[in-house]
Structures are given as C-alpha cells and as structure tokens.
Amino acid sequence: MEVELITPATEALAFIDFVNLTDSLEHPRPEDFPAIGSTLNAVVLDFMPSGELRLSARPSSLTRQ
C-alpha cells in the first residue's frame, strides 16, 4: 500500500463525527468536544457518495500501526 503525506491546507474546513474524536467506549460529552474553529490532527476515513470527507481524530487512528 502506498501512502502519501501532505501538508494540510490551513483554510480547509472539515467535519468529524463526534464518535471519531476518542477511543473511549463511551460517547464524548459536550464538554469533551474541541472548541469550534480548533485545529485537530485527523486522518481520512473515506469519501462519501455525496462528496463529504469523513475524518477520524481518534488517537488510535493517528498512531502508526
């Protein structure tokens, strides 16, 4: 599998489902959510048919396997 690392565009906006913020078995609480406008490290999960970009910021997703 070939992997390409790129420098992210600083103006690129994205959406992360709240379940993809933590590895905890419990759902994150509102006070656990990052502030609106925060910059997060994330990885691409998939592109949806609608064109939506699905991301994960879970620590296990960010750790090189």
N, C-alpha and C. Protein backbone atom coordinates (compact mmCIF):
# COMPACT_ATOMS: atom_id res chain seq x y z
N MET A 1 0.84 -1.17 0.00
CA MET A 1 0.00 0.00 0.00
C MET A 1 0.89 1.24 0.00
N GLU A 2 0.62 2.17 -0.87
CA GLU A 2 1.39 3.39 -0.96
C GLU A 2 0.70 4.49 -0.16
N VAL A 3 1.47 5.24 0.61
CA VAL A 3 0.93 6.32 1.44
C VAL A 3 1.64 7.60 1.08
N GLU A 4 0.88 8.66 0.94
CA GLU A 4 1.46 9.96 0.63
C GLU A 4 1.15 10.91 1.78
N LEU A 5 2.17 11.54 2.33
CA LEU A 5 2.00 12.54 3.38
C LEU A 5 1.99 13.91 2.73
N ILE A 6 1.00 14.71 3.09
CA ILE A 6 0.90 16.05 2.51
C ILE A 6 0.79 17.07 3.63
N THR A 7 1.17 18.29 3.33
CA THR A 7 0.99 19.38 4.28
C THR A 7 -0.43 19.87 4.12
N PRO A 8 -1.20 19.89 5.21
CA PRO A 8 -2.61 20.28 5.09
C PRO A 8 -2.76 21.77 4.77
N ALA A 9 -3.80 22.07 4.02
CA ALA A 9 -4.14 23.46 3.75
C ALA A 9 -4.73 24.06 5.02
N THR A 10 -4.26 25.21 5.41
CA THR A 10 -4.73 25.79 6.67
C THR A 10 -6.16 26.29 6.60
N GLU A 11 -6.68 26.50 5.43
CA GLU A 11 -8.05 27.00 5.27
C GLU A 11 -9.05 25.91 4.95
N ALA A 12 -8.63 24.66 4.92
CA ALA A 12 -9.53 23.56 4.58
C ALA A 12 -10.42 23.25 5.79
N LEU A 13 -11.72 23.35 5.61
CA LEU A 13 -12.66 23.04 6.68
C LEU A 13 -13.14 21.61 6.54
N ALA A 14 -13.44 20.97 7.66
CA ALA A 14 -13.88 19.58 7.61
C ALA A 14 -14.81 19.31 8.78
N PHE A 15 -15.45 18.14 8.74
CA PHE A 15 -16.38 17.71 9.78
C PHE A 15 -15.95 16.35 10.29
N ILE A 16 -15.95 16.18 11.62
CA ILE A 16 -15.63 14.90 12.22
C ILE A 16 -16.80 14.49 13.10
N ASP A 17 -17.34 13.29 12.86
CA ASP A 17 -18.41 12.77 13.72
C ASP A 17 -17.90 12.68 15.14
N PHE A 18 -18.74 13.00 16.10
CA PHE A 18 -18.29 13.00 17.50
C PHE A 18 -17.76 11.65 17.96
N VAL A 19 -18.24 10.55 17.38
CA VAL A 19 -17.75 9.23 17.78
C VAL A 19 -16.32 8.98 17.29
N ASN A 20 -15.83 9.82 16.37
CA ASN A 20 -14.46 9.68 15.87
C ASN A 20 -13.49 10.65 16.53
N LEU A 21 -13.85 11.14 17.72
CA LEU A 21 -12.98 12.03 18.47
C LEU A 21 -12.16 11.30 19.53
N THR A 22 -12.64 10.15 19.99
CA THR A 22 -12.00 9.46 21.10
C THR A 22 -12.04 7.96 20.91
N ASP A 23 -11.16 7.26 21.58
CA ASP A 23 -11.16 5.79 21.56
C ASP A 23 -12.02 5.22 22.69
N SER A 24 -12.56 6.07 23.52
CA SER A 24 -13.37 5.62 24.65
C SER A 24 -14.60 4.87 24.17
N LEU A 25 -15.05 3.89 24.95
CA LEU A 25 -16.27 3.16 24.62
C LEU A 25 -17.50 4.02 24.88
N GLU A 26 -17.35 5.07 25.67
CA GLU A 26 -18.46 5.99 25.95
C GLU A 26 -18.42 7.13 24.93
N HIS A 27 -19.61 7.65 24.61
CA HIS A 27 -19.67 8.79 23.70
C HIS A 27 -19.06 10.01 24.38
N PRO A 28 -18.36 10.83 23.62
CA PRO A 28 -17.83 12.06 24.21
C PRO A 28 -18.97 12.94 24.72
N ARG A 29 -18.72 13.63 25.80
CA ARG A 29 -19.70 14.57 26.35
C ARG A 29 -19.47 15.93 25.69
N PRO A 30 -20.47 16.79 25.67
CA PRO A 30 -20.28 18.11 25.05
C PRO A 30 -19.05 18.85 25.57
N GLU A 31 -18.74 18.71 26.84
CA GLU A 31 -17.56 19.40 27.37
C GLU A 31 -16.24 18.78 26.87
N ASP A 32 -16.31 17.59 26.26
CA ASP A 32 -15.13 16.96 25.69
C ASP A 32 -14.87 17.41 24.25
N PHE A 33 -15.85 18.07 23.63
CA PHE A 33 -15.70 18.48 22.24
C PHE A 33 -14.68 19.60 22.12
N PRO A 34 -13.89 19.59 21.05
CA PRO A 34 -12.97 20.71 20.84
C PRO A 34 -13.76 21.97 20.51
N ALA A 35 -13.17 23.10 20.80
CA ALA A 35 -13.83 24.38 20.51
C ALA A 35 -14.03 24.54 19.00
N ILE A 36 -15.10 25.20 18.63
CA ILE A 36 -15.34 25.48 17.21
C ILE A 36 -14.17 26.30 16.68
N GLY A 37 -13.68 25.90 15.54
CA GLY A 37 -12.54 26.57 14.93
C GLY A 37 -11.20 25.99 15.32
N SER A 38 -11.20 24.99 16.22
CA SER A 38 -9.95 24.35 16.64
C SER A 38 -9.31 23.62 15.47
N THR A 39 -8.00 23.53 15.50
CA THR A 39 -7.26 22.73 14.53
C THR A 39 -6.96 21.39 15.17
N LEU A 40 -7.34 20.30 14.49
CA LEU A 40 -7.13 18.95 15.00
C LEU A 40 -6.28 18.15 14.02
N ASN A 41 -5.51 17.22 14.53
CA ASN A 41 -4.86 16.23 13.68
C ASN A 41 -5.89 15.16 13.38
N ALA A 42 -6.01 14.76 12.13
CA ALA A 42 -7.01 13.77 11.74
C ALA A 42 -6.51 13.01 10.52
N VAL A 43 -7.14 11.87 10.27
CA VAL A 43 -6.86 11.07 9.08
C VAL A 43 -8.15 10.87 8.29
N VAL A 44 -8.00 10.68 7.00
CA VAL A 44 -9.16 10.46 6.13
C VAL A 44 -9.64 9.03 6.28
N LEU A 45 -10.94 8.88 6.52
CA LEU A 45 -11.55 7.56 6.56
C LEU A 45 -12.09 7.16 5.20
N ASP A 46 -12.80 8.10 4.56
CA ASP A 46 -13.45 7.77 3.29
C ASP A 46 -14.07 9.03 2.70
N PHE A 47 -14.36 8.97 1.42
CA PHE A 47 -15.17 9.98 0.76
C PHE A 47 -16.55 9.36 0.56
N MET A 48 -17.58 10.04 1.00
CA MET A 48 -18.95 9.55 0.85
C MET A 48 -19.44 9.86 -0.56
N PRO A 49 -20.46 9.14 -1.04
CA PRO A 49 -21.00 9.40 -2.37
C PRO A 49 -21.44 10.86 -2.57
N SER A 50 -21.83 11.51 -1.47
CA SER A 50 -22.27 12.91 -1.56
C SER A 50 -21.08 13.87 -1.68
N GLY A 51 -19.84 13.33 -1.57
CA GLY A 51 -18.65 14.16 -1.62
C GLY A 51 -18.12 14.55 -0.26
N GLU A 52 -18.87 14.20 0.81
CA GLU A 52 -18.44 14.51 2.17
C GLU A 52 -17.17 13.75 2.51
N LEU A 53 -16.24 14.44 3.12
CA LEU A 53 -14.98 13.84 3.55
C LEU A 53 -15.14 13.39 4.99
N ARG A 54 -14.97 12.11 5.25
CA ARG A 54 -15.09 11.55 6.60
C ARG A 54 -13.70 11.46 7.22
N LEU A 55 -13.55 12.02 8.43
CA LEU A 55 -12.27 12.07 9.12
C LEU A 55 -12.36 11.40 10.49
N SER A 56 -11.21 11.00 11.02
CA SER A 56 -11.12 10.48 12.39
C SER A 56 -9.98 11.19 13.10
N ALA A 57 -10.24 11.61 14.34
CA ALA A 57 -9.22 12.22 15.19
C ALA A 57 -8.94 11.32 16.40
N ARG A 58 -9.39 10.06 16.33
CA ARG A 58 -9.12 9.13 17.43
C ARG A 58 -7.61 8.91 17.56
N PRO A 59 -7.09 8.87 18.79
CA PRO A 59 -5.66 8.60 18.96
C PRO A 59 -5.21 7.31 18.26
N SER A 60 -6.04 6.28 18.29
CA SER A 60 -5.67 5.01 17.63
C SER A 60 -5.60 5.17 16.10
N SER A 61 -6.35 6.10 15.55
CA SER A 61 -6.29 6.34 14.11
C SER A 61 -5.04 7.10 13.73
N LEU A 62 -4.54 7.91 14.65
CA LEU A 62 -3.38 8.76 14.37
C LEU A 62 -2.05 8.06 14.63
N THR A 63 -2.10 6.92 15.34
CA THR A 63 -0.89 6.18 15.66
C THR A 63 -0.52 5.28 14.51
N ARG A 64 0.72 5.34 14.11
CA ARG A 64 1.19 4.49 13.02
C ARG A 64 1.15 3.02 13.48
N GLN A 65 0.53 2.19 12.70
CA GLN A 65 0.37 0.78 13.06
C GLN A 65 1.55 -0.04 12.60
